[in-house]
Each structure stands twice: as C-alpha cells, then as structure tokens.
C-alpha cells in the first residue's frame, strides 16, 4: 500500500514512517523542510505546507491512504488553527482524489474523551497549557467525522518515549478510565495497523498502554 504521512518529522510521525516501511508499505512523507527530515530513511520526501492543497494534491498522487500525525506546540493563550486548517485541506484533497482511508492522531481529552485524563491532566495541564490546542483538536475531529471518508481517529493517552510493548488497549467506553500513558512506538504501530482492517472505521478509540 502507498501511504502519505503528514507530520512525518514529529517524534510519533518518524516512528510511523519507520514502522510502515518495515511493514513493506510505500511511504510518502510530507515535511516542512527536507533539511529537517533526518531519520526518514526509505520514504519519498515531499516538502511543503500541510495546509496547502496544491502541495497535498502532489504528495497524495497514487496514494491509497493517509496517516495524519500533525502536532503543534503548547499555546496557553494564542489561538491555534494549524490542525483544523490542515485537516480541512487534507479532507478536500482526499475527497477529490478518491482516497478513502484516513487515520488521524489527536489526543486524550479531545471530543467526548474530555474529562478522562486524571485530575492533573483534566484540571491543570489541559486547560492551562493546552486549552487552545484542544479547541483546534476538537475542530479537527469535527471536520473528519463530518466527511465521507473511511476515517479512524486515534486518541492516545499521555505519550512517552519508551520502547513499544505491543500491549495496547483501545477504548470507546471511558466510564472507568481516568488517565494512563502509552509509548509513541505503540501509537505508531496501532496507527499503521488501521490502514486495512475495518474494526475502528468511523470510531475514535482512546488508546493506552
């Protein structure tokens, strides 16, 4: 399968590219700067802005699916629009090109997973440090869920850089969940695994270790 990875130079994006190539996928990595694309060995690099439909149209040519691992820095006060703007452009181009499968990584606390991160995350970290980011994640998720694509939204719990364990719980019933952590490597593997099976289509599982 030929896939486009957006956000490929981020810490999770790099692992997605690596694991996808290990699984014999052909990977196109959309990067803001080729000079910063260290470690994306084996991927075809396309340089450009993820919000630019012309860039996306070029990068997506011949692709069968897309994984979006776009992220943005903490912004307590300044409005964030990168995620929703880039996602709107991505959905437009996928629709025009007939690319159906979209796997998008957002985060615990987005949408109806808000309030399940534990006391510190829910009452301090998310509202004080990530308030503007999560407003944009919510907009991003609404754009995806309103589309006609075969989408899966992945909401990881708190990320760490530990090795992959292969022990991933995917939850949609969060009534008994109140915080957790997961390695970026496990998130990357789970994201790539969603390229073909239909189990989580049109769902937004929270994943944790």
Protein backbone atom coordinates (compact mmCIF):
# COMPACT_ATOMS: atom_id res chain seq x y z
CA UNK A 1 0.00 0.00 0.00
CA UNK A 2 1.21 3.51 -0.77
CA UNK A 3 0.53 5.91 2.08
CA UNK A 4 1.01 9.60 2.77
CA UNK A 5 2.20 10.52 6.27
CA UNK A 6 1.54 14.11 7.33
CA UNK A 7 3.50 15.31 10.35
CA UNK A 8 6.23 12.83 9.45
CA UNK A 9 9.09 14.70 11.14
CA UNK A 10 7.44 14.76 14.57
CA UNK A 11 8.50 12.21 17.19
CA UNK A 12 5.46 10.00 16.55
CA UNK A 13 5.45 10.65 12.80
CA UNK A 14 9.01 9.41 12.42
CA UNK A 15 8.08 6.14 14.13
CA UNK A 16 5.02 5.78 11.88
CA UNK A 17 7.22 6.14 8.80
CA UNK A 18 9.74 3.63 10.16
CA UNK A 19 7.13 1.02 11.10
CA UNK A 20 5.16 1.46 7.86
CA UNK A 21 8.31 0.84 5.82
CA UNK A 22 9.10 -2.23 7.94
CA UNK A 23 5.62 -3.48 7.03
CA UNK A 24 6.50 -3.07 3.32
CA UNK A 25 4.31 -0.04 2.71
CA UNK A 26 5.48 2.58 0.26
CA UNK A 27 5.65 5.85 2.21
CA UNK A 28 5.41 9.45 1.08
CA UNK A 29 6.43 11.79 3.91
CA UNK A 30 5.14 15.36 3.82
CA UNK A 31 7.71 17.57 5.56
CA UNK A 32 8.04 21.29 6.11
CA UNK A 33 11.76 21.14 5.37
CA UNK A 34 13.75 18.34 3.77
CA UNK A 35 16.80 19.52 5.73
CA UNK A 36 15.00 18.57 8.96
CA UNK A 37 13.80 15.20 7.72
CA UNK A 38 16.50 13.17 9.42
CA UNK A 39 15.70 9.54 10.03
CA UNK A 40 13.01 9.14 7.36
CA UNK A 41 15.10 6.56 5.54
CA UNK A 42 13.27 4.83 2.72
CA UNK A 43 10.48 7.37 2.41
CA UNK A 44 9.79 9.64 -0.52
CA UNK A 45 10.05 13.18 0.81
CA UNK A 46 7.72 15.95 -0.33
CA UNK A 47 8.45 19.40 1.04
CA UNK A 48 5.65 21.85 1.67
CA UNK A 49 2.96 23.26 3.93
CA UNK A 50 0.37 20.72 5.11
CA UNK A 51 -2.29 23.44 4.76
CA UNK A 52 -1.60 23.94 1.05
CA UNK A 53 -3.97 21.92 -1.14
CA UNK A 54 -1.62 22.14 -4.13
CA UNK A 55 1.16 20.55 -2.06
CA UNK A 56 -1.21 17.88 -0.75
CA UNK A 57 -2.51 17.17 -4.23
CA UNK A 58 1.03 16.49 -5.42
CA UNK A 59 2.06 14.48 -2.37
CA UNK A 60 -1.06 12.30 -2.43
CA UNK A 61 -0.85 11.29 -6.08
CA UNK A 62 -1.09 7.50 -6.29
CA UNK A 63 -1.62 7.03 -2.56
CA UNK A 64 -4.11 4.56 -1.11
CA UNK A 65 -4.38 6.01 2.41
CA UNK A 66 -3.24 8.82 4.69
CA UNK A 67 -1.98 8.90 8.27
CA UNK A 68 -2.02 12.33 9.91
CA UNK A 69 0.30 12.76 12.89
CA UNK A 70 0.33 16.54 12.82
CA UNK A 71 1.04 18.20 16.11
CA UNK A 72 1.57 21.69 17.42
CA UNK A 73 3.35 23.26 20.36
CA UNK A 74 1.65 24.25 23.62
CA UNK A 75 -0.22 27.53 23.40
CA UNK A 76 -1.90 28.72 26.60
CA UNK A 77 -3.21 31.98 25.11
CA UNK A 78 -2.61 32.25 21.36
CA UNK A 79 -5.29 30.78 19.09
CA UNK A 80 -4.26 27.59 17.29
CA UNK A 81 -5.63 26.82 13.83
CA UNK A 82 -2.95 24.64 12.21
CA UNK A 83 -4.60 21.29 12.88
CA UNK A 84 -8.08 22.19 11.67
CA UNK A 85 -6.85 24.18 8.66
CA UNK A 86 -4.53 21.39 7.53
CA UNK A 87 -7.21 18.76 8.12
CA UNK A 88 -9.79 20.66 6.10
CA UNK A 89 -7.34 20.87 3.20
CA UNK A 90 -6.45 17.20 3.59
CA UNK A 91 -10.08 16.05 3.55
CA UNK A 92 -10.76 18.20 0.46
CA UNK A 93 -7.86 16.69 -1.46
CA UNK A 94 -8.59 13.13 -0.36
CA UNK A 95 -12.20 13.54 -1.49
CA UNK A 96 -11.17 14.88 -4.88
CA UNK A 97 -8.61 12.13 -5.43
CA UNK A 98 -10.86 9.35 -4.16
CA UNK A 99 -8.52 8.33 -1.32
CA UNK A 100 -10.84 6.90 1.33
CA UNK A 101 -8.81 5.74 4.35
CA UNK A 102 -7.71 8.42 6.82
CA UNK A 103 -6.09 7.59 10.14
CA UNK A 104 -5.67 10.69 12.30
CA UNK A 105 -3.98 11.01 15.69
CA UNK A 106 -5.43 13.63 18.02
CA UNK A 107 -5.25 13.08 21.79
CA UNK A 108 -6.86 12.08 25.05
CA UNK A 109 -9.12 14.95 26.04
CA UNK A 110 -10.40 15.68 22.55
CA UNK A 111 -14.10 15.43 21.82
CA UNK A 112 -16.05 13.17 24.15
CA UNK A 113 -12.85 11.86 25.76
CA UNK A 114 -12.55 15.11 27.74
CA UNK A 115 -12.51 14.59 31.48
CA UNK A 116 -10.89 11.15 31.44
CA UNK A 117 -7.22 12.05 31.82
CA UNK A 118 -6.98 12.12 35.59
CA UNK A 119 -7.03 15.10 37.96
CA UNK A 120 -3.74 16.73 36.94
CA UNK A 121 -4.37 16.42 33.20
CA UNK A 122 -8.06 17.37 33.28
CA UNK A 123 -7.91 20.27 35.71
CA UNK A 124 -4.41 21.71 35.28
CA UNK A 125 -2.37 20.65 32.28
CA UNK A 126 -5.04 20.53 29.56
CA UNK A 127 -6.93 23.74 30.45
CA UNK A 128 -3.88 25.82 31.40
CA UNK A 129 -1.26 24.70 28.86
CA UNK A 130 -3.21 23.03 26.06
CA UNK A 131 -6.53 24.86 26.04
CA UNK A 132 -6.09 26.46 22.62
CA UNK A 133 -4.54 23.31 21.14
CA UNK A 134 -7.50 21.20 22.24
CA UNK A 135 -10.00 23.66 20.85
CA UNK A 136 -8.31 23.09 17.49
CA UNK A 137 -8.18 19.32 18.00
CA UNK A 138 -11.94 19.43 18.55
CA UNK A 139 -12.41 21.38 15.31
CA UNK A 140 -10.10 18.90 13.56
CA UNK A 141 -12.14 15.93 14.74
CA UNK A 142 -15.42 17.55 13.68
CA UNK A 143 -14.08 18.10 10.15
CA UNK A 144 -13.06 14.46 9.89
CA UNK A 145 -16.25 13.00 11.34
CA UNK A 146 -18.38 15.13 9.00
CA UNK A 147 -16.54 13.80 5.95
CA UNK A 148 -17.49 10.82 3.79
CA UNK A 149 -14.07 9.23 4.28
CA UNK A 150 -13.34 5.89 5.94
CA UNK A 151 -11.74 7.54 8.95
CA UNK A 152 -10.31 6.40 12.25
CA UNK A 153 -9.47 9.00 14.91
CA UNK A 154 -6.91 7.77 17.45
CA UNK A 155 -6.75 9.48 20.84
CA UNK A 156 -3.57 8.43 22.67
CA UNK A 157 -3.24 8.85 26.42
CA UNK A 158 -0.12 10.63 27.75
CA UNK A 159 2.77 9.90 25.41
CA UNK A 160 6.22 8.69 26.39
CA UNK A 161 9.33 7.59 24.51
CA UNK A 162 9.62 4.09 25.92
CA UNK A 163 10.01 1.10 23.58
CA UNK A 164 6.93 -0.50 22.06
CA UNK A 165 5.28 -3.10 24.27
CA UNK A 166 2.58 -4.38 21.92
CA UNK A 167 0.19 -4.06 24.86
CA UNK A 168 -2.37 -1.53 23.64
CA UNK A 169 -5.90 -1.11 24.96
CA UNK A 170 -8.32 0.61 22.60
CA UNK A 171 -11.36 2.02 24.39
CA UNK A 172 -14.57 3.74 23.38
CA UNK A 173 -16.33 3.22 26.70
CA UNK A 174 -14.38 5.53 29.03
CA UNK A 175 -16.65 5.26 32.05
CA UNK A 176 -13.94 3.50 34.09
CA UNK A 177 -10.91 5.20 32.53
CA UNK A 178 -9.19 8.04 34.38
CA UNK A 179 -5.76 8.53 32.89
CA UNK A 180 -2.91 6.49 31.51
CA UNK A 181 0.19 6.52 29.35
CA UNK A 182 1.38 4.91 26.15
CA UNK A 183 4.61 4.84 24.17
CA UNK A 184 4.86 6.70 20.88
CA UNK A 185 6.13 3.46 19.36
CA UNK A 186 2.92 1.65 20.31
CA UNK A 187 0.85 4.56 18.94
CA UNK A 188 2.77 4.40 15.65
CA UNK A 189 2.17 0.67 15.30
CA UNK A 190 -1.52 0.99 16.12
CA UNK A 191 -1.91 3.77 13.54
CA UNK A 192 -0.28 1.74 10.77
CA UNK A 193 -2.40 -1.28 11.69
CA UNK A 194 -5.55 0.77 11.00
CA UNK A 195 -4.72 1.09 7.30
CA UNK A 196 -6.51 -2.11 6.31
CA UNK A 197 -8.91 -3.63 8.89
CA UNK A 198 -12.34 -2.10 9.31
CA UNK A 199 -12.76 -2.61 13.07
CA UNK A 200 -12.46 1.05 14.08
CA UNK A 201 -13.86 2.76 10.95
CA UNK A 202 -15.91 5.84 11.92
CA UNK A 203 -14.84 5.48 15.56
CA UNK A 204 -12.50 7.41 17.87
CA UNK A 205 -10.81 4.93 20.21
CA UNK A 206 -8.70 6.18 23.09
CA UNK A 207 -5.58 4.06 23.24
CA UNK A 208 -3.43 3.45 26.29
CA UNK A 209 -0.78 1.05 27.49
